[in-house]
Amino acid sequence: MESFAFAPAYELPSWPFTPPPELGSPRIVRHPIVIVGAGPSGLTLACDLAQRGVRAVLLDEDDTVGVRGASSRGICYAQKSLEIFERLGIYERIAAKGVTWSFGRTFSGEQEVYNFNLQANSVSRQPPFINLQQFYLEWFLVERILELGLTDLRWKSRVTRVEPLGDGVRIDVETPAGGYTIEADRLIDATGANSPIRTQLGIDAHSSRSTDRWCISDVRFKKPLPVERWTWVDAPFNEGRGVWQHLMADGVWRIDYQMPEDCDPATISQPKVAGARLREQLGPGVEFEFVWIGPYGYRDHLLDSFRHGQVFFIGDAAHVVSPFGARGGNSGIQDAANLGWKLALALQGQAGDALLDSYDAERQPAARQNLEVTSRSARFLAPRSPAEHTLRRAVVALAARHPFARALVNTGRMSVANDYPPAPRLPEGGRTVQNLPLRWADGRETTLMQLLAEGTQCLGLWLSPTPDGARAAMEAAASLPVRLLAIGGDSGLPTLQADDRLTSHLGIGDPGGFVLVRPDAYRAALLAQATPESIADALRTALARNTTP
């Protein structure tokens, strides 16, 4: 699809192709983990594994980040993703480069009908959102992966064939220096929406029939616009269709214009056409320069299962949803965080294969929920029947006058960390634990993510345990990957200061209450009155250690 990049455009880094040791060798080498695709989800997984001391091979057919032409692509990174990036060691770079925001306004025509502040219910060290061009995120991840030094990152390496085996996968790879074959105990497909691996394996993605079309303009303005997320339900300057307006890094604004499904992508992306659209929106005298213009079209899809034997699908290879609410890229990043610790523990012999099954049991329902939420947003923004048009007009009219109706204005329910349904590894279901600022008993500061960055283990947070109970629990859980911490009291365990905000967020109020937090910062168990036996049992359940490996 034709797109236009203009000076001053971004200069993207590139990395050299290095002939791998398997090239020209008759011996087929087997690797424990091979990841295909160096987009946000594949890079997050590789970085997550390296942070845990796990080696992986990462194959990508390009030698740079982003796409040629330096388009912004995904830009809104949600709090849960930002918490993951703190654990991986790149959050400070993201925060320094990106644009932090929590406030948004929604308009119908020229009238504001709704606004929100996402900071209101947050207790995390991370903000609700940071806007940053996707290639910067990928760039930071690559540099962190190279710094950690455990990932064999192979550029200019295109996977041409995969063959499932009983105990792994055989992979053919084509490079500038020729082809070779490797095997993997487990293959992770992070190749994106048009996954060639998924196609070759004949897996139905259940793609939608219609294509939602947009024109994206990355623009610098001489006079800055308000640093807020502005959305139009039915912009008069875009023939009554939706528009999004965001600030990104480097003073570049991202403006997304919804287009008719039957539009010509090449025409809508012409600089003359895009410029006229901007002047219609901001006035004939607006001074600007384009950084990039290009069409964007998608069809949502969702796999029935994210695990097929020893092949795991993450990110857009597994699911594509409407962009409303920034649930696509963030969901892929969170797929990687869910799978990474499970692969690490399984590889280290600390968990059974049933733990890997829980990846699909948790992330497939999360993707289904995101698809349902974004599909409702899409229908609100692009009504497909007279009844849906009538309903939207009524909601917008009511929202202008009545607070109760403002929550019905659906321009995208912003990305949140999905709750997980009850399952064998999560008998009560799972919910995320935000990255609370914490203090040790001696006053030193830490955070939940900093605690989780130290090895691959669960955290057991116990409110005022007794010394005898603490000793017995450490003995009962001695063979399990867990770090037991006390909240207040004098139990002999490493102790965090008691804090009402902390105990309220964790859901414990009385002494003896216990929360088990998984390595991905999800609550796995809540015990009203913990005993050493109940703690060990909760751990074995969460780690699939109470089943035959």
Protein backbone atom coordinates (compact mmCIF):
# COMPACT_ATOMS: atom_id res chain seq x y z
CA MET A 1 0.00 0.00 0.00
CA GLU A 2 1.43 3.39 -0.97
CA SER A 3 2.46 5.73 1.83
CA PHE A 4 4.38 8.99 1.98
CA ALA A 5 7.30 9.92 4.25
CA PHE A 6 8.63 13.47 4.33
CA ALA A 7 11.71 15.23 5.68
CA PRO A 8 12.49 15.42 8.49
CA ALA A 9 11.60 11.72 8.74
CA TYR A 10 12.92 9.37 11.38
CA GLU A 11 16.20 7.54 10.97
CA LEU A 12 15.71 3.96 12.07
CA PRO A 13 18.61 1.80 13.27
CA SER A 14 19.63 -1.37 11.49
CA TRP A 15 21.57 -4.38 12.71
CA PRO A 16 23.89 -6.59 10.68
CA PHE A 17 23.09 -10.05 9.42
CA THR A 18 25.46 -12.57 10.99
CA PRO A 19 25.64 -16.03 9.40
CA PRO A 20 24.43 -18.51 12.05
CA PRO A 21 26.51 -21.54 13.04
CA GLU A 22 23.95 -23.93 11.52
CA LEU A 23 24.48 -22.50 8.01
CA GLY A 24 26.18 -25.08 5.84
CA SER A 25 26.17 -27.73 8.57
CA PRO A 26 24.54 -31.12 7.89
CA ARG A 27 23.62 -31.44 11.57
CA ILE A 28 20.23 -30.11 12.66
CA VAL A 29 20.61 -28.24 15.94
CA ARG A 30 17.70 -28.16 18.40
CA HIS A 31 17.00 -25.05 20.49
CA PRO A 32 14.67 -24.98 23.51
CA ILE A 33 12.78 -21.86 22.34
CA VAL A 34 12.55 -20.21 18.92
CA ILE A 35 10.55 -17.00 18.48
CA VAL A 36 9.60 -15.84 14.99
CA GLY A 37 8.86 -12.12 14.56
CA ALA A 38 10.59 -9.09 16.14
CA GLY A 39 7.54 -6.91 16.67
CA PRO A 40 6.38 -5.74 20.11
CA SER A 41 5.11 -9.14 21.28
CA GLY A 42 8.07 -11.18 20.00
CA LEU A 43 10.63 -8.72 21.37
CA THR A 44 8.82 -8.48 24.71
CA LEU A 45 8.89 -12.28 25.03
CA ALA A 46 12.58 -12.50 24.11
CA CYS A 47 13.41 -9.73 26.60
CA ASP A 48 11.25 -11.34 29.30
CA LEU A 49 13.02 -14.68 28.85
CA ALA A 50 16.48 -13.07 28.84
CA GLN A 51 15.61 -11.16 32.02
CA ARG A 52 14.85 -14.56 33.56
CA GLY A 53 18.15 -16.03 32.38
CA VAL A 54 16.58 -18.08 29.57
CA ARG A 55 18.19 -18.31 26.14
CA ALA A 56 16.10 -18.10 22.96
CA VAL A 57 16.58 -17.73 19.22
CA LEU A 58 14.66 -14.81 17.68
CA LEU A 59 14.20 -14.79 13.89
CA ASP A 60 13.08 -11.76 11.88
CA GLU A 61 13.07 -11.25 8.13
CA ASP A 62 14.06 -7.56 8.39
CA ASP A 63 17.11 -5.85 9.92
CA THR A 64 15.43 -2.89 11.60
CA VAL A 65 12.48 -1.90 13.78
CA GLY A 66 9.16 -0.43 12.72
CA VAL A 67 8.52 -0.33 8.99
CA ARG A 68 10.27 1.29 6.08
CA GLY A 69 9.06 4.86 5.85
CA ALA A 70 9.05 5.26 9.65
CA SER A 71 5.31 5.28 10.31
CA SER A 72 4.23 5.51 13.94
CA ARG A 73 2.01 2.37 13.90
CA GLY A 74 0.98 1.46 17.47
CA ILE A 75 1.39 4.40 19.85
CA CYS A 76 -0.66 4.04 23.08
CA TYR A 77 0.95 1.90 25.78
CA ALA A 78 -1.28 1.08 28.72
CA GLN A 79 -0.41 0.90 32.39
CA LYS A 80 -0.10 -2.90 32.52
CA SER A 81 2.31 -2.86 29.58
CA LEU A 82 4.30 -0.03 31.17
CA GLU A 83 4.55 -2.06 34.38
CA ILE A 84 5.92 -4.97 32.35
CA PHE A 85 8.48 -2.63 30.80
CA GLU A 86 9.61 -1.49 34.25
CA ARG A 87 10.30 -5.11 35.14
CA LEU A 88 12.20 -5.52 31.86
CA GLY A 89 14.32 -2.42 32.47
CA ILE A 90 13.16 -0.05 29.71
CA TYR A 91 10.34 1.92 31.36
CA GLU A 92 12.47 4.96 32.20
CA ARG A 93 13.50 5.31 28.54
CA ILE A 94 9.87 5.05 27.44
CA ALA A 95 8.73 7.66 29.98
CA ALA A 96 11.54 10.05 29.05
CA LYS A 97 10.85 9.81 25.32
CA GLY A 98 7.06 9.44 25.23
CA VAL A 99 4.10 11.62 26.14
CA THR A 100 2.28 10.77 29.38
CA TRP A 101 -1.45 11.31 29.48
CA SER A 102 -4.56 10.32 31.38
CA PHE A 103 -7.18 12.88 30.29
CA GLY A 104 -9.35 12.58 27.19
CA ARG A 105 -12.19 14.49 25.55
CA THR A 106 -14.88 13.22 23.21
CA PHE A 107 -16.74 15.49 20.78
CA SER A 108 -19.80 15.26 18.60
CA GLY A 109 -19.48 17.89 15.96
CA GLU A 110 -18.06 20.88 17.82
CA GLN A 111 -19.68 19.99 21.16
CA GLU A 112 -17.84 18.13 23.94
CA VAL A 113 -20.10 15.33 25.15
CA TYR A 114 -17.79 13.36 27.41
CA ASN A 115 -14.40 13.48 29.14
CA PHE A 116 -12.49 11.16 31.42
CA ASN A 117 -9.46 11.05 33.70
CA LEU A 118 -7.95 7.57 33.86
CA GLN A 119 -5.66 8.50 36.77
CA ALA A 120 -8.54 8.55 39.24
CA ASN A 121 -8.50 4.86 40.22
CA SER A 122 -4.79 4.13 39.79
CA VAL A 123 -2.38 3.18 42.57
CA SER A 124 0.45 2.20 40.23
CA ARG A 125 3.82 3.87 39.85
CA GLN A 126 3.10 3.88 36.10
CA PRO A 127 0.64 6.35 34.49
CA PRO A 128 -2.50 5.16 32.69
CA PHE A 129 -0.93 5.74 29.24
CA ILE A 130 2.21 6.85 27.46
CA ASN A 131 2.17 7.65 23.75
CA LEU A 132 5.26 6.60 21.83
CA GLN A 133 5.84 5.60 18.24
CA GLN A 134 6.05 1.80 18.01
CA PHE A 135 9.49 1.76 16.44
CA TYR A 136 10.95 3.50 19.51
CA LEU A 137 9.50 0.81 21.76
CA GLU A 138 10.94 -1.92 19.53
CA TRP A 139 14.28 -0.08 19.41
CA PHE A 140 14.49 0.07 23.23
CA LEU A 141 13.57 -3.61 23.49
CA VAL A 142 16.26 -4.64 20.98
CA GLU A 143 18.93 -2.66 22.81
CA ARG A 144 17.85 -4.17 26.14
CA ILE A 145 17.92 -7.68 24.64
CA LEU A 146 21.44 -7.08 23.32
CA GLU A 147 22.46 -5.74 26.73
CA LEU A 148 21.15 -8.85 28.50
CA GLY A 149 23.14 -10.96 26.04
CA LEU A 150 21.21 -14.25 26.12
CA THR A 151 19.11 -13.97 22.95
CA ASP A 152 20.43 -15.13 19.57
CA LEU A 153 18.84 -12.33 17.52
CA ARG A 154 18.99 -13.33 13.85
CA TRP A 155 18.13 -10.59 11.34
CA LYS A 156 17.36 -11.19 7.65
CA SER A 157 16.10 -14.65 8.56
CA ARG A 158 12.80 -15.61 6.95
CA VAL A 159 10.99 -18.74 8.05
CA THR A 160 9.87 -20.58 4.91
CA ARG A 161 8.46 -23.78 6.42
CA VAL A 162 7.51 -25.27 9.77
CA GLU A 163 6.91 -28.95 10.44
CA PRO A 164 5.31 -29.98 13.75
CA LEU A 165 7.04 -32.95 15.35
CA GLY A 166 5.86 -35.08 18.22
CA ASP A 167 8.15 -33.34 20.68
CA GLY A 168 8.90 -30.06 18.92
CA VAL A 169 8.99 -28.22 15.59
CA ARG A 170 11.32 -28.29 12.58
CA ILE A 171 11.95 -24.89 10.98
CA ASP A 172 13.42 -24.00 7.58
CA VAL A 173 15.05 -20.56 7.43
CA GLU A 174 16.18 -18.55 4.40
CA THR A 175 18.94 -15.92 4.74
CA PRO A 176 21.10 -13.77 2.42
CA ALA A 177 23.82 -16.42 2.80
CA GLY A 178 21.56 -19.39 2.08
CA GLY A 179 19.10 -21.62 3.91
CA TYR A 180 19.33 -23.91 6.90
CA THR A 181 17.11 -26.01 9.17
CA ILE A 182 16.81 -25.96 12.95
CA GLU A 183 14.49 -27.57 15.46
CA ALA A 184 12.81 -26.13 18.54
CA ASP A 185 11.28 -27.72 21.59
CA ARG A 186 8.78 -24.88 21.42
CA LEU A 187 8.08 -22.38 18.63
CA ILE A 188 6.39 -19.03 19.31
CA ASP A 189 4.71 -17.34 16.35
CA ALA A 190 4.84 -13.57 16.68
CA THR A 191 4.75 -12.84 12.94
CA GLY A 192 1.67 -10.63 13.02
CA ALA A 193 -1.80 -10.51 11.49
CA ASN A 194 -0.82 -12.21 8.22
CA SER A 195 1.12 -15.00 9.91
CA PRO A 196 2.62 -17.33 7.29
CA ILE A 197 3.10 -19.97 9.99
CA ARG A 198 -0.59 -19.94 10.85
CA THR A 199 -1.47 -20.13 7.16
CA GLN A 200 0.89 -23.03 6.49
CA LEU A 201 -0.50 -25.00 9.44
CA GLY A 202 -4.02 -24.45 8.10
CA ILE A 203 -5.32 -22.79 11.27
CA ASP A 204 -8.52 -20.79 10.76
CA ALA A 205 -8.24 -17.24 12.12
CA HIS A 206 -12.01 -16.54 11.69
CA SER A 207 -11.34 -13.19 10.02
CA SER A 208 -14.19 -10.71 9.75
CA ARG A 209 -15.67 -10.10 6.32
CA SER A 210 -15.50 -6.32 6.33
CA THR A 211 -12.39 -4.12 6.38
CA ASP A 212 -12.30 -1.00 8.54
CA ARG A 213 -10.27 1.69 6.74
CA TRP A 214 -8.41 4.71 8.07
CA CYS A 215 -5.91 7.28 6.91
CA ILE A 216 -3.15 8.01 9.41
CA SER A 217 -1.29 11.32 9.34
CA ASP A 218 1.84 11.92 11.43
CA VAL A 219 2.20 15.70 11.57
CA ARG A 220 4.28 18.45 13.16
CA PHE A 221 2.49 21.74 13.81
CA LYS A 222 4.08 25.14 14.22
CA LYS A 223 1.56 25.93 16.98
CA PRO A 224 1.09 23.01 19.44
CA LEU A 225 -2.32 21.49 20.07
CA PRO A 226 -3.63 20.60 23.58
CA VAL A 227 -1.79 17.58 25.06
CA GLU A 228 -4.91 15.48 25.49
CA ARG A 229 -6.57 12.59 23.68
CA TRP A 230 -9.30 14.17 21.57
CA THR A 231 -11.85 12.00 19.81
CA TRP A 232 -14.69 12.93 17.48
CA VAL A 233 -17.61 10.53 17.12
CA ASP A 234 -18.86 12.23 13.98
CA ALA A 235 -16.38 14.91 12.94
CA PRO A 236 -17.95 17.51 10.61
CA PHE A 237 -14.50 17.96 9.03
CA ASN A 238 -14.37 14.23 8.15
CA GLU A 239 -17.81 13.80 6.55
CA GLY A 240 -19.36 12.72 9.86
CA ARG A 241 -16.88 9.94 10.57
CA GLY A 242 -14.55 9.33 13.53
CA VAL A 243 -11.25 11.08 14.19
CA TRP A 244 -8.53 10.52 16.82
CA GLN A 245 -5.91 13.10 17.77
CA HIS A 246 -2.83 12.24 19.92
CA LEU A 247 0.59 13.74 20.62
CA MET A 248 3.59 11.38 20.34
CA ALA A 249 7.34 11.76 20.87
CA ASP A 250 9.41 14.36 18.98
CA GLY A 251 6.50 16.81 18.85
CA VAL A 252 4.70 14.69 16.24
CA TRP A 253 0.91 14.46 16.27
CA ARG A 254 -0.90 11.33 15.18
CA ILE A 255 -4.29 12.02 13.61
CA ASP A 256 -6.41 9.08 12.48
CA TYR A 257 -9.28 9.70 10.06
CA GLN A 258 -11.93 7.04 9.57
CA MET A 259 -12.62 6.39 5.88
CA PRO A 260 -15.41 4.69 3.90
CA GLU A 261 -14.86 0.96 3.43
CA ASP A 262 -14.95 1.35 -0.37
CA CYS A 263 -12.40 4.20 -0.48
CA ASP A 264 -9.25 4.05 -2.60
CA PRO A 265 -6.33 3.77 -0.13
CA ALA A 266 -3.90 5.44 -2.53
CA THR A 267 -6.15 8.47 -3.07
CA ILE A 268 -6.96 9.15 0.59
CA SER A 269 -3.23 9.13 1.42
CA GLN A 270 -2.16 11.68 -1.21
CA PRO A 271 -0.47 14.69 0.48
CA LYS A 272 -2.85 17.08 -1.25
CA VAL A 273 -5.90 15.19 0.02
CA ALA A 274 -4.50 14.73 3.55
CA GLY A 275 -3.51 18.39 3.69
CA ALA A 276 -7.00 19.51 2.72
CA ARG A 277 -8.39 17.28 5.48
CA LEU A 278 -6.11 18.92 8.07
CA ARG A 279 -7.07 22.43 6.95
CA GLU A 280 -10.73 21.50 7.14
CA GLN A 281 -10.15 20.38 10.73
CA LEU A 282 -7.84 23.12 12.02
CA GLY A 283 -8.46 26.08 9.71
CA PRO A 284 -7.03 27.26 6.39
CA GLY A 285 -4.12 29.05 8.08
CA VAL A 286 -2.76 26.09 10.05
CA GLU A 287 0.98 25.64 9.58
CA PHE A 288 2.24 22.05 9.53
CA GLU A 289 4.60 19.56 7.94
CA PHE A 290 3.88 15.91 7.30
CA VAL A 291 6.20 13.28 8.73
CA TRP A 292 4.28 10.34 7.28
CA ILE A 293 0.90 9.63 5.64
CA GLY A 294 -0.50 6.21 4.95
CA PRO A 295 -3.65 4.10 4.79
CA TYR A 296 -4.52 1.56 7.44
CA GLY A 297 -7.01 -1.26 7.10
CA TYR A 298 -7.73 -4.25 9.30
CA ARG A 299 -10.00 -7.25 9.65
CA ASP A 300 -10.37 -8.56 13.16
CA HIS A 301 -9.72 -12.23 13.86
CA LEU A 302 -9.35 -14.65 16.79
CA LEU A 303 -7.89 -18.15 16.92
CA ASP A 304 -9.88 -20.85 18.70
CA SER A 305 -6.73 -21.87 20.55
CA PHE A 306 -3.42 -20.07 21.08
CA ARG A 307 -1.53 -23.36 21.51
CA HIS A 308 -1.21 -26.04 18.83
CA GLY A 309 1.11 -28.78 20.08
CA GLN A 310 4.47 -27.10 20.63
CA VAL A 311 3.53 -23.99 18.61
CA PHE A 312 2.26 -20.97 20.57
CA PHE A 313 0.65 -17.90 18.97
CA ILE A 314 1.04 -14.44 20.50
CA GLY A 315 0.06 -10.92 19.49
CA ASP A 316 -1.56 -10.29 16.11
CA ALA A 317 -0.76 -13.83 14.99
CA ALA A 318 -3.35 -14.94 17.57
CA HIS A 319 -5.82 -12.06 17.56
CA VAL A 320 -6.55 -8.77 15.82
CA VAL A 321 -9.09 -6.34 17.24
CA SER A 322 -10.29 -2.87 16.31
CA PRO A 323 -7.77 -0.17 17.32
CA PHE A 324 -10.33 1.62 19.52
CA GLY A 325 -9.09 1.76 23.09
CA ALA A 326 -5.52 0.62 22.30
CA ARG A 327 -6.32 -3.02 23.07
CA GLY A 328 -4.36 -4.61 20.21
CA GLY A 329 -0.66 -4.01 20.78
CA ASN A 330 -1.06 -3.93 24.55
CA SER A 331 -2.75 -7.31 24.48
CA GLY A 332 0.16 -8.79 22.51
CA ILE A 333 2.67 -7.41 25.01
CA GLN A 334 0.62 -8.96 27.80
CA ASP A 335 0.45 -12.28 25.92
CA ALA A 336 4.25 -12.31 26.03
CA ALA A 337 4.36 -11.52 29.74
CA ASN A 338 1.86 -14.31 30.46
CA LEU A 339 3.82 -16.89 28.46
CA GLY A 340 7.37 -15.88 29.38
CA TRP A 341 7.47 -16.96 33.03
CA LYS A 342 5.63 -20.19 32.23
CA LEU A 343 8.18 -21.12 29.56
CA ALA A 344 10.99 -20.26 31.97
CA LEU A 345 9.67 -22.41 34.82
CA ALA A 346 8.82 -25.31 32.49
CA LEU A 347 12.32 -25.17 30.97
CA GLN A 348 13.89 -25.11 34.44
CA GLY A 349 11.84 -28.10 35.59
CA GLN A 350 9.93 -25.98 38.12
CA ALA A 351 6.50 -26.44 36.54
CA GLY A 352 4.60 -29.03 34.55
CA ASP A 353 3.47 -28.80 30.93
CA ALA A 354 -0.05 -28.11 32.21
CA LEU A 355 1.19 -24.65 33.17
CA LEU A 356 1.85 -23.96 29.48
CA ASP A 357 -1.74 -24.95 28.70
CA SER A 358 -2.85 -22.16 31.04
CA TYR A 359 -1.46 -19.62 28.54
CA ASP A 360 -4.31 -20.43 26.17
CA ALA A 361 -6.82 -20.82 29.02
CA GLU A 362 -6.09 -17.25 30.14
CA ARG A 363 -5.12 -15.24 27.08
CA GLN A 364 -7.67 -16.60 24.60
CA PRO A 365 -10.62 -15.47 26.79
CA ALA A 366 -8.85 -12.13 27.32
CA ALA A 367 -8.58 -11.66 23.55
CA ARG A 368 -12.22 -12.68 23.12
CA GLN A 369 -13.23 -10.05 25.67
CA ASN A 370 -11.14 -7.40 23.87
CA LEU A 371 -12.76 -8.38 20.57
CA GLU A 372 -16.25 -8.02 22.05
CA VAL A 373 -15.42 -4.63 23.59
CA THR A 374 -13.80 -3.20 20.46
CA SER A 375 -16.51 -4.58 18.18
CA ARG A 376 -19.10 -2.63 20.16
CA SER A 377 -16.96 0.48 19.76
CA ALA A 378 -16.69 -0.14 16.02
CA ARG A 379 -20.45 -0.47 15.67
CA PHE A 380 -20.96 2.77 17.63
CA LEU A 381 -18.47 4.65 15.45
CA ALA A 382 -19.63 3.13 12.16
CA PRO A 383 -23.33 2.22 12.52
CA ARG A 384 -24.45 -0.39 10.00
CA SER A 385 -28.21 0.04 10.15
CA PRO A 386 -30.76 2.84 10.55
CA ALA A 387 -31.49 1.57 14.08
CA GLU A 388 -27.82 1.82 15.08
CA HIS A 389 -27.65 5.37 13.64
CA THR A 390 -30.74 6.33 15.63
CA LEU A 391 -29.30 4.85 18.82
CA ARG A 392 -26.02 6.72 18.41
CA ARG A 393 -27.76 10.04 17.77
CA ALA A 394 -29.88 9.52 20.88
CA VAL A 395 -26.87 8.65 23.07
CA VAL A 396 -24.85 11.64 21.85
CA ALA A 397 -27.79 14.01 22.38
CA LEU A 398 -28.41 12.70 25.89
CA ALA A 399 -24.72 12.81 26.80
CA ALA A 400 -24.56 16.52 26.09
CA ARG A 401 -27.17 17.14 28.83
CA HIS A 402 -27.16 14.18 31.24
CA PRO A 403 -24.14 12.69 33.07
CA PHE A 404 -25.60 9.15 33.11
CA ALA A 405 -25.52 8.98 29.30
CA ARG A 406 -21.88 10.01 28.95
CA ALA A 407 -20.64 6.56 29.84
CA LEU A 408 -22.66 5.22 26.89
CA VAL A 409 -20.63 7.26 24.39
CA ASN A 410 -18.40 4.50 23.06
CA THR A 411 -15.29 5.73 21.26
CA GLY A 412 -13.17 2.92 22.67
CA ARG A 413 -13.08 1.50 26.20
CA MET A 414 -9.42 2.06 27.02
CA SER A 415 -7.12 -0.93 27.39
CA VAL A 416 -7.05 -2.55 30.80
CA ALA A 417 -5.40 -5.67 32.18
CA ASN A 418 -8.01 -8.38 31.60
CA ASP A 419 -9.26 -10.49 34.47
CA TYR A 420 -8.82 -14.22 33.92
CA PRO A 421 -11.70 -16.66 34.34
CA PRO A 422 -11.61 -19.52 36.87
CA ALA A 423 -9.47 -22.38 35.54
CA PRO A 424 -7.43 -25.29 36.96
CA ARG A 425 -4.41 -23.02 37.63
CA LEU A 426 -6.65 -20.18 38.88
CA PRO A 427 -9.54 -21.72 40.84
CA GLU A 428 -10.90 -18.30 41.79
CA GLY A 429 -9.89 -16.57 38.57
CA GLY A 430 -7.10 -13.98 38.37
CA ARG A 431 -6.79 -10.22 38.45
CA THR A 432 -3.79 -7.97 37.96
CA VAL A 433 -1.96 -6.39 40.87
CA GLN A 434 -0.85 -2.86 40.08
CA ASN A 435 2.76 -1.77 40.51
CA LEU A 436 2.39 -0.32 43.96
CA PRO A 437 5.19 1.80 45.43
CA LEU A 438 6.38 -0.09 48.52
CA ARG A 439 8.72 0.43 51.45
CA TRP A 440 10.74 -2.07 53.39
CA ALA A 441 10.51 -1.97 57.17
CA ASP A 442 13.73 0.08 57.29
CA GLY A 443 12.28 2.71 54.95
CA ARG A 444 14.01 1.71 51.71
CA GLU A 445 11.80 2.13 48.64
CA THR A 446 10.89 -0.59 46.18
CA THR A 447 7.99 -1.52 43.90
CA LEU A 448 6.13 -4.70 43.12
CA MET A 449 7.79 -4.86 39.69
CA GLN A 450 11.25 -4.52 41.19
CA LEU A 451 10.48 -7.45 43.49
CA LEU A 452 9.24 -9.51 40.53
CA ALA A 453 12.33 -8.67 38.46
CA GLU A 454 14.50 -10.74 40.80
CA GLY A 455 14.37 -14.23 39.31
CA THR A 456 11.31 -16.21 38.24
CA GLN A 457 9.25 -16.75 41.34
CA CYS A 458 5.90 -15.97 42.87
CA LEU A 459 5.53 -13.49 45.71
CA GLY A 460 3.66 -14.47 48.84
CA LEU A 461 2.49 -11.31 50.65
CA TRP A 462 1.35 -12.16 54.18
CA LEU A 463 -0.21 -9.68 56.59
CA SER A 464 1.40 -9.94 60.04
CA PRO A 465 2.18 -13.67 60.13
CA THR A 466 3.36 -15.29 63.36
CA PRO A 467 7.04 -16.30 63.63
CA ASP A 468 6.09 -19.98 63.95
CA GLY A 469 3.75 -19.78 60.96
CA ALA A 470 6.41 -18.04 58.86
CA ARG A 471 9.03 -20.68 59.63
CA ALA A 472 6.64 -23.53 58.88
CA ALA A 473 5.54 -21.91 55.59
CA MET A 474 9.16 -21.50 54.45
CA GLU A 475 9.74 -25.20 55.13
CA ALA A 476 6.52 -26.27 53.37
CA ALA A 477 7.37 -24.20 50.26
CA ALA A 478 11.13 -24.82 50.26
CA SER A 479 11.08 -26.69 46.93
CA LEU A 480 8.78 -24.20 45.19
CA PRO A 481 9.73 -20.95 43.37
CA VAL A 482 8.31 -18.40 45.81
CA ARG A 483 9.53 -15.49 47.89
CA LEU A 484 7.57 -15.04 51.12
CA LEU A 485 7.28 -11.48 52.44
CA ALA A 486 5.48 -10.14 55.47
CA ILE A 487 3.43 -6.97 55.50
CA GLY A 488 4.03 -5.54 58.96
CA GLY A 489 4.61 -7.54 62.13
CA ASP A 490 7.75 -9.23 63.44
CA SER A 491 7.77 -12.69 61.90
CA GLY A 492 11.38 -12.99 60.83
CA LEU A 493 10.42 -12.80 57.15
CA PRO A 494 11.62 -9.86 55.00
CA THR A 495 9.03 -7.25 55.91
CA LEU A 496 7.28 -4.48 53.99
CA GLN A 497 5.69 -1.57 55.78
CA ALA A 498 1.95 -1.98 56.30
CA ASP A 499 -0.05 0.47 54.21
CA ASP A 500 -3.84 0.78 53.91
CA ARG A 501 -3.59 1.37 50.16
CA LEU A 502 -1.51 -1.79 49.76
CA THR A 503 -3.73 -4.08 51.82
CA SER A 504 -6.88 -2.64 50.26
CA HIS A 505 -5.58 -3.20 46.72
CA LEU A 506 -4.50 -6.73 47.57
CA GLY A 507 -7.86 -7.49 49.18
CA ILE A 508 -6.54 -8.42 52.62
CA GLY A 509 -7.62 -6.63 55.78
CA ASP A 510 -7.05 -8.87 58.79
CA PRO A 511 -3.80 -10.31 60.20
CA GLY A 512 -3.14 -13.70 58.65
CA GLY A 513 -4.48 -12.66 55.23
CA PHE A 514 -2.28 -13.82 52.34
CA VAL A 515 -2.03 -13.02 48.62
CA LEU A 516 -0.08 -15.12 46.12
CA VAL A 517 1.19 -12.95 43.23
CA ARG A 518 2.44 -14.73 40.11
CA PRO A 519 5.58 -13.62 38.20
CA ASP A 520 3.31 -11.74 35.74
CA ALA A 521 1.80 -9.71 38.61
CA TYR A 522 -1.53 -11.54 38.60
CA ARG A 523 -3.16 -12.59 41.85
CA ALA A 524 -3.30 -16.38 41.89
CA ALA A 525 -4.80 -16.94 45.35
CA LEU A 526 -6.30 -14.97 48.22
CA LEU A 527 -6.34 -16.70 51.61
CA ALA A 528 -8.29 -15.11 54.46
CA GLN A 529 -6.29 -17.01 57.14
CA ALA A 530 -3.22 -18.61 55.63
CA THR A 531 -1.55 -21.73 56.97
CA PRO A 532 1.72 -23.27 55.78
CA GLU A 533 -0.27 -26.07 54.15
CA SER A 534 -2.72 -23.76 52.36
CA ILE A 535 0.15 -21.59 51.07
CA ALA A 536 2.02 -24.60 49.67
CA ASP A 537 -1.17 -25.98 48.14
CA ALA A 538 -1.97 -22.64 46.46
CA LEU A 539 1.55 -22.57 45.00
CA ARG A 540 1.35 -26.12 43.68
CA THR A 541 -1.99 -25.33 42.05
CA ALA A 542 -0.74 -22.10 40.43
CA LEU A 543 2.41 -23.80 39.10
CA ALA A 544 0.79 -27.04 37.92
CA ARG A 545 2.88 -28.95 40.43
CA ASN A 546 -0.10 -30.93 41.72
CA THR A 547 -0.37 -32.77 38.40
CA THR A 548 1.86 -35.28 36.69
CA PRO A 549 4.41 -33.36 34.55
